Amino acid sequence: QVQLVQSGGGLVQARGSLRLSCAASGLKVSKYVMGWFRQSRGKEREFVAVIGWSGGTILYSASAKGRFTVSRDNAKNTVFLQMNSLKPEDTGVYYCAADRTYTYHYAESYASWGQGTQVTVSS
């Protein structure tokens, strides 16, 4: 049984930093595409970042590029999203997801999801 357990998040002021964690069981993060998505109030879940199973593919949304860093610790079977220079528009519920997919921008491509964690950035 696949389980993705998220931690981190919370309330932070603009220009602050947060790190989200996604600990996996039932799969090896090194062999899956691990994505991060954000859902803001009234909006659909949107792509934020992804790290491929080989580690060679790391991609970000335009809004995350240059500020966010996705990484993976295979020994801990955990994926991280380091978020720096946070902005109020980064506010939302962040989800990690896992699948073996080439269409990693699409939430529908992922079968396994974490429980979500709230990130609130105050101005």
N, C-alpha and C. Protein backbone atom coordinates (compact mmCIF):
# COMPACT_ATOMS: atom_id res chain seq x y z
N GLN A 1 0.85 -1.19 0.00
CA GLN A 1 0.00 0.00 0.00
C GLN A 1 0.89 1.24 0.00
N VAL A 2 0.63 2.10 -0.99
CA VAL A 2 1.42 3.32 -1.11
C VAL A 2 0.88 4.38 -0.16
N GLN A 3 1.80 5.03 0.53
CA GLN A 3 1.41 6.12 1.41
C GLN A 3 2.43 7.24 1.29
N LEU A 4 1.93 8.45 1.10
CA LEU A 4 2.78 9.64 1.07
C LEU A 4 2.36 10.53 2.23
N VAL A 5 3.28 10.76 3.14
CA VAL A 5 2.97 11.54 4.34
C VAL A 5 3.75 12.84 4.30
N GLN A 6 3.01 13.93 4.27
CA GLN A 6 3.63 15.24 4.15
C GLN A 6 3.82 15.90 5.51
N SER A 7 4.83 16.75 5.57
CA SER A 7 5.07 17.56 6.76
C SER A 7 5.68 18.88 6.32
N GLY A 8 5.73 19.81 7.23
CA GLY A 8 6.21 21.14 6.91
C GLY A 8 5.04 22.07 6.64
N GLY A 9 5.28 23.18 6.06
CA GLY A 9 4.23 24.15 5.80
C GLY A 9 3.97 25.01 7.02
N GLY A 10 2.95 25.85 6.91
CA GLY A 10 2.61 26.75 8.00
C GLY A 10 2.45 28.17 7.53
N LEU A 11 2.57 29.08 8.47
CA LEU A 11 2.41 30.50 8.20
C LEU A 11 3.78 31.17 8.18
N VAL A 12 4.02 31.96 7.16
CA VAL A 12 5.31 32.65 7.03
C VAL A 12 5.07 34.02 6.41
N GLN A 13 5.93 34.95 6.73
CA GLN A 13 5.83 36.27 6.12
C GLN A 13 6.44 36.25 4.72
N ALA A 14 6.01 37.18 3.92
CA ALA A 14 6.57 37.32 2.57
C ALA A 14 8.09 37.44 2.65
N ARG A 15 8.74 36.83 1.68
CA ARG A 15 10.21 36.75 1.57
C ARG A 15 10.81 35.72 2.52
N GLY A 16 9.95 35.02 3.26
CA GLY A 16 10.45 33.96 4.13
C GLY A 16 10.61 32.66 3.38
N SER A 17 10.96 31.61 4.14
CA SER A 17 11.22 30.29 3.55
C SER A 17 10.50 29.21 4.33
N LEU A 18 10.18 28.14 3.61
CA LEU A 18 9.60 26.94 4.21
C LEU A 18 10.14 25.73 3.46
N ARG A 19 10.18 24.60 4.16
CA ARG A 19 10.53 23.35 3.50
C ARG A 19 9.44 22.33 3.75
N LEU A 20 8.96 21.76 2.66
CA LEU A 20 7.96 20.71 2.73
C LEU A 20 8.66 19.36 2.52
N SER A 21 8.15 18.36 3.24
CA SER A 21 8.67 17.00 3.11
C SER A 21 7.55 16.06 2.71
N CYS A 22 7.92 15.03 2.00
CA CYS A 22 6.97 14.01 1.57
C CYS A 22 7.64 12.66 1.73
N ALA A 23 7.29 11.96 2.81
CA ALA A 23 7.89 10.67 3.11
C ALA A 23 7.03 9.56 2.52
N ALA A 24 7.66 8.69 1.75
CA ALA A 24 6.92 7.65 1.05
C ALA A 24 7.11 6.28 1.70
N SER A 25 6.07 5.49 1.62
CA SER A 25 6.15 4.08 1.96
C SER A 25 5.35 3.32 0.92
N GLY A 26 5.78 2.10 0.67
CA GLY A 26 5.11 1.30 -0.35
C GLY A 26 5.63 1.54 -1.76
N LEU A 27 6.54 2.46 -1.91
CA LEU A 27 7.22 2.69 -3.18
C LEU A 27 8.56 3.33 -2.88
N LYS A 28 9.44 3.26 -3.86
CA LYS A 28 10.74 3.90 -3.74
C LYS A 28 10.73 5.19 -4.56
N VAL A 29 10.98 6.31 -3.89
CA VAL A 29 10.90 7.60 -4.59
C VAL A 29 11.92 7.68 -5.72
N SER A 30 12.97 6.86 -5.64
CA SER A 30 14.00 6.89 -6.68
C SER A 30 13.50 6.27 -7.98
N LYS A 31 12.39 5.55 -7.91
CA LYS A 31 11.89 4.86 -9.10
C LYS A 31 10.56 5.44 -9.59
N TYR A 32 10.18 6.57 -9.06
CA TYR A 32 8.93 7.22 -9.44
C TYR A 32 9.18 8.69 -9.78
N VAL A 33 8.29 9.20 -10.60
CA VAL A 33 8.21 10.65 -10.80
C VAL A 33 7.50 11.22 -9.58
N MET A 34 8.14 12.17 -8.93
CA MET A 34 7.57 12.78 -7.72
C MET A 34 7.25 14.24 -8.03
N GLY A 35 5.99 14.56 -7.97
CA GLY A 35 5.55 15.91 -8.30
C GLY A 35 5.05 16.67 -7.09
N TRP A 36 5.09 17.98 -7.21
CA TRP A 36 4.50 18.87 -6.20
C TRP A 36 3.46 19.74 -6.90
N PHE A 37 2.32 19.86 -6.27
CA PHE A 37 1.22 20.65 -6.81
C PHE A 37 0.70 21.58 -5.72
N ARG A 38 0.05 22.64 -6.16
CA ARG A 38 -0.55 23.60 -5.23
C ARG A 38 -2.01 23.82 -5.63
N GLN A 39 -2.84 23.90 -4.64
CA GLN A 39 -4.25 24.24 -4.88
C GLN A 39 -4.61 25.45 -4.04
N SER A 40 -4.88 26.54 -4.72
CA SER A 40 -5.29 27.77 -4.04
C SER A 40 -6.81 27.82 -4.01
N ARG A 41 -7.33 28.64 -3.13
CA ARG A 41 -8.77 28.72 -2.95
C ARG A 41 -9.46 29.07 -4.26
N GLY A 42 -10.42 28.25 -4.65
CA GLY A 42 -11.19 28.53 -5.85
C GLY A 42 -10.50 28.18 -7.15
N LYS A 43 -9.32 27.57 -7.04
CA LYS A 43 -8.58 27.23 -8.26
C LYS A 43 -8.32 25.73 -8.33
N GLU A 44 -7.99 25.29 -9.52
CA GLU A 44 -7.64 23.89 -9.71
C GLU A 44 -6.21 23.65 -9.21
N ARG A 45 -5.96 22.39 -8.97
CA ARG A 45 -4.62 22.00 -8.54
C ARG A 45 -3.64 22.27 -9.68
N GLU A 46 -2.54 22.97 -9.38
CA GLU A 46 -1.60 23.35 -10.43
C GLU A 46 -0.20 22.82 -10.13
N PHE A 47 0.50 22.54 -11.19
CA PHE A 47 1.86 22.01 -11.12
C PHE A 47 2.81 23.04 -10.53
N VAL A 48 3.71 22.57 -9.65
CA VAL A 48 4.73 23.43 -9.07
C VAL A 48 6.13 22.95 -9.45
N ALA A 49 6.39 21.66 -9.23
CA ALA A 49 7.74 21.13 -9.48
C ALA A 49 7.67 19.62 -9.62
N VAL A 50 8.70 19.06 -10.22
CA VAL A 50 8.77 17.62 -10.38
C VAL A 50 10.23 17.18 -10.39
N ILE A 51 10.47 16.00 -9.86
CA ILE A 51 11.78 15.36 -9.97
C ILE A 51 11.55 13.96 -10.51
N GLY A 52 12.26 13.64 -11.58
CA GLY A 52 12.08 12.37 -12.24
C GLY A 52 12.77 11.24 -11.52
N TRP A 53 12.47 10.01 -11.93
CA TRP A 53 13.02 8.86 -11.23
C TRP A 53 14.51 8.73 -11.40
N SER A 54 15.06 9.23 -12.47
CA SER A 54 16.50 9.16 -12.65
C SER A 54 17.21 10.31 -11.95
N GLY A 55 16.44 11.30 -11.53
CA GLY A 55 17.04 12.48 -10.93
C GLY A 55 17.53 13.46 -11.97
N GLY A 56 17.54 13.05 -13.24
CA GLY A 56 18.02 13.93 -14.28
C GLY A 56 17.00 14.95 -14.71
N THR A 57 15.75 14.68 -14.44
CA THR A 57 14.68 15.60 -14.81
C THR A 57 14.21 16.34 -13.58
N ILE A 58 14.43 17.62 -13.55
CA ILE A 58 13.91 18.50 -12.49
C ILE A 58 13.33 19.70 -13.19
N LEU A 59 12.06 19.93 -13.00
CA LEU A 59 11.37 21.02 -13.69
C LEU A 59 10.50 21.79 -12.71
N TYR A 60 10.29 23.06 -13.04
CA TYR A 60 9.51 23.94 -12.18
C TYR A 60 8.50 24.71 -13.03
N SER A 61 7.45 25.14 -12.36
CA SER A 61 6.55 26.08 -13.00
C SER A 61 7.27 27.41 -13.13
N ALA A 62 6.73 28.27 -13.95
CA ALA A 62 7.35 29.57 -14.15
C ALA A 62 7.40 30.36 -12.84
N SER A 63 6.35 30.21 -12.02
CA SER A 63 6.30 30.97 -10.78
C SER A 63 7.27 30.43 -9.72
N ALA A 64 7.59 29.16 -9.81
CA ALA A 64 8.47 28.54 -8.81
C ALA A 64 9.95 28.61 -9.19
N LYS A 65 10.22 28.71 -10.46
CA LYS A 65 11.60 28.68 -10.94
C LYS A 65 12.43 29.81 -10.33
N GLY A 66 13.57 29.43 -9.83
CA GLY A 66 14.47 30.41 -9.22
C GLY A 66 14.23 30.62 -7.74
N ARG A 67 13.09 30.16 -7.24
CA ARG A 67 12.77 30.34 -5.81
C ARG A 67 12.61 29.01 -5.08
N PHE A 68 12.11 28.00 -5.77
CA PHE A 68 11.84 26.71 -5.17
C PHE A 68 12.88 25.70 -5.64
N THR A 69 13.17 24.73 -4.79
CA THR A 69 14.09 23.65 -5.14
C THR A 69 13.49 22.32 -4.70
N VAL A 70 13.37 21.41 -5.65
CA VAL A 70 12.89 20.07 -5.34
C VAL A 70 14.10 19.14 -5.25
N SER A 71 14.06 18.25 -4.26
CA SER A 71 15.18 17.32 -4.07
C SER A 71 14.65 16.01 -3.50
N ARG A 72 15.55 15.05 -3.45
CA ARG A 72 15.13 13.72 -3.02
C ARG A 72 16.25 13.10 -2.18
N ASP A 73 15.88 12.45 -1.10
CA ASP A 73 16.81 11.68 -0.28
C ASP A 73 16.40 10.23 -0.38
N ASN A 74 17.12 9.48 -1.19
CA ASN A 74 16.74 8.09 -1.44
C ASN A 74 16.86 7.24 -0.17
N ALA A 75 17.84 7.54 0.65
CA ALA A 75 18.03 6.76 1.87
C ALA A 75 16.84 6.91 2.82
N LYS A 76 16.27 8.12 2.84
CA LYS A 76 15.11 8.37 3.70
C LYS A 76 13.80 8.15 2.95
N ASN A 77 13.90 7.87 1.65
CA ASN A 77 12.72 7.69 0.81
C ASN A 77 11.77 8.88 0.92
N THR A 78 12.37 10.05 0.83
CA THR A 78 11.63 11.29 1.06
C THR A 78 11.98 12.31 -0.02
N VAL A 79 10.99 13.08 -0.40
CA VAL A 79 11.16 14.17 -1.35
C VAL A 79 10.90 15.48 -0.62
N PHE A 80 11.63 16.52 -1.02
CA PHE A 80 11.53 17.81 -0.36
C PHE A 80 11.20 18.91 -1.37
N LEU A 81 10.57 19.94 -0.88
CA LEU A 81 10.36 21.15 -1.67
C LEU A 81 10.80 22.33 -0.79
N GLN A 82 11.94 22.88 -1.12
CA GLN A 82 12.44 24.05 -0.41
C GLN A 82 11.90 25.29 -1.11
N MET A 83 11.22 26.13 -0.36
CA MET A 83 10.58 27.31 -0.93
C MET A 83 11.18 28.55 -0.30
N ASN A 84 11.82 29.35 -1.11
CA ASN A 84 12.44 30.60 -0.65
C ASN A 84 11.76 31.79 -1.29
N SER A 85 12.02 32.95 -0.73
CA SER A 85 11.45 34.20 -1.26
C SER A 85 9.96 34.07 -1.49
N LEU A 86 9.27 33.55 -0.51
CA LEU A 86 7.84 33.28 -0.67
C LEU A 86 7.04 34.56 -0.85
N LYS A 87 5.97 34.43 -1.63
CA LYS A 87 5.08 35.55 -1.93
C LYS A 87 3.67 35.20 -1.48
N PRO A 88 2.84 36.18 -1.24
CA PRO A 88 1.45 35.88 -0.85
C PRO A 88 0.73 34.99 -1.87
N GLU A 89 1.07 35.14 -3.13
CA GLU A 89 0.42 34.32 -4.16
C GLU A 89 0.85 32.86 -4.12
N ASP A 90 1.84 32.53 -3.31
CA ASP A 90 2.24 31.13 -3.12
C ASP A 90 1.32 30.41 -2.12
N THR A 91 0.43 31.14 -1.51
CA THR A 91 -0.48 30.57 -0.52
C THR A 91 -1.37 29.50 -1.14
N GLY A 92 -1.51 28.40 -0.43
CA GLY A 92 -2.38 27.32 -0.89
C GLY A 92 -2.07 26.03 -0.16
N VAL A 93 -2.76 24.99 -0.55
CA VAL A 93 -2.47 23.65 -0.04
C VAL A 93 -1.54 22.97 -1.03
N TYR A 94 -0.43 22.50 -0.51
CA TYR A 94 0.59 21.84 -1.33
C TYR A 94 0.47 20.33 -1.17
N TYR A 95 0.54 19.66 -2.31
CA TYR A 95 0.44 18.21 -2.35
C TYR A 95 1.66 17.62 -3.04
N CYS A 96 2.15 16.50 -2.52
CA CYS A 96 3.11 15.72 -3.27
C CYS A 96 2.36 14.56 -3.92
N ALA A 97 2.93 14.07 -5.00
CA ALA A 97 2.28 13.01 -5.77
C ALA A 97 3.34 12.12 -6.39
N ALA A 98 2.95 10.88 -6.65
CA ALA A 98 3.88 9.91 -7.21
C ALA A 98 3.21 9.11 -8.31
N ASP A 99 3.97 8.87 -9.37
CA ASP A 99 3.50 7.99 -10.43
C ASP A 99 4.66 7.74 -11.40
N ARG A 100 4.43 6.85 -12.31
CA ARG A 100 5.38 6.66 -13.41
C ARG A 100 4.71 7.25 -14.64
N THR A 101 4.97 8.52 -14.88
CA THR A 101 4.27 9.24 -15.93
C THR A 101 5.24 10.14 -16.68
N TYR A 102 4.92 10.39 -17.93
CA TYR A 102 5.67 11.36 -18.71
C TYR A 102 4.93 12.68 -18.79
N THR A 103 3.67 12.65 -18.41
CA THR A 103 2.86 13.88 -18.45
C THR A 103 2.78 14.45 -17.04
N TYR A 104 3.92 14.84 -16.53
CA TYR A 104 4.05 15.16 -15.12
C TYR A 104 3.44 16.50 -14.74
N HIS A 105 3.07 17.33 -15.74
CA HIS A 105 2.45 18.60 -15.42
C HIS A 105 1.00 18.45 -14.98
N TYR A 106 0.41 17.30 -15.28
CA TYR A 106 -1.02 17.13 -15.08
C TYR A 106 -1.32 16.34 -13.82
N ALA A 107 -2.11 16.92 -12.96
CA ALA A 107 -2.48 16.24 -11.72
C ALA A 107 -3.15 14.90 -12.00
N GLU A 108 -3.88 14.82 -13.09
CA GLU A 108 -4.60 13.58 -13.43
C GLU A 108 -3.65 12.43 -13.74
N SER A 109 -2.39 12.73 -13.96
CA SER A 109 -1.41 11.70 -14.30
C SER A 109 -0.93 10.92 -13.07
N TYR A 110 -1.24 11.40 -11.89
CA TYR A 110 -0.70 10.82 -10.66
C TYR A 110 -1.77 10.01 -9.92
N ALA A 111 -1.39 8.81 -9.52
CA ALA A 111 -2.32 7.95 -8.81
C ALA A 111 -2.21 8.08 -7.29
N SER A 112 -1.03 8.44 -6.81
CA SER A 112 -0.80 8.48 -5.36
C SER A 112 -0.55 9.91 -4.91
N TRP A 113 -1.20 10.29 -3.81
CA TRP A 113 -1.14 11.65 -3.33
C TRP A 113 -0.90 11.71 -1.82
N GLY A 114 -0.18 12.75 -1.41
CA GLY A 114 -0.08 13.03 0.01
C GLY A 114 -1.35 13.69 0.50
N GLN A 115 -1.39 13.93 1.80
CA GLN A 115 -2.61 14.45 2.41
C GLN A 115 -2.76 15.96 2.23
N GLY A 116 -1.69 16.61 1.78
CA GLY A 116 -1.73 18.06 1.60
C GLY A 116 -1.28 18.78 2.86
N THR A 117 -0.65 19.92 2.65
CA THR A 117 -0.22 20.74 3.77
C THR A 117 -0.43 22.21 3.41
N GLN A 118 -0.95 22.96 4.35
CA GLN A 118 -1.28 24.35 4.10
C GLN A 118 -0.04 25.23 4.21
N VAL A 119 0.14 26.08 3.22
CA VAL A 119 1.17 27.12 3.25
C VAL A 119 0.46 28.46 3.13
N THR A 120 0.69 29.33 4.09
CA THR A 120 0.09 30.66 4.07
C THR A 120 1.20 31.69 4.16
N VAL A 121 1.24 32.58 3.18
CA VAL A 121 2.26 33.62 3.14
C VAL A 121 1.57 34.97 3.35
N SER A 122 1.94 35.64 4.40
CA SER A 122 1.33 36.94 4.71
C SER A 122 2.18 38.07 4.13
N SER A 123 1.49 39.12 3.75
CA SER A 123 2.20 40.26 3.14
C SER A 123 2.70 41.23 4.20
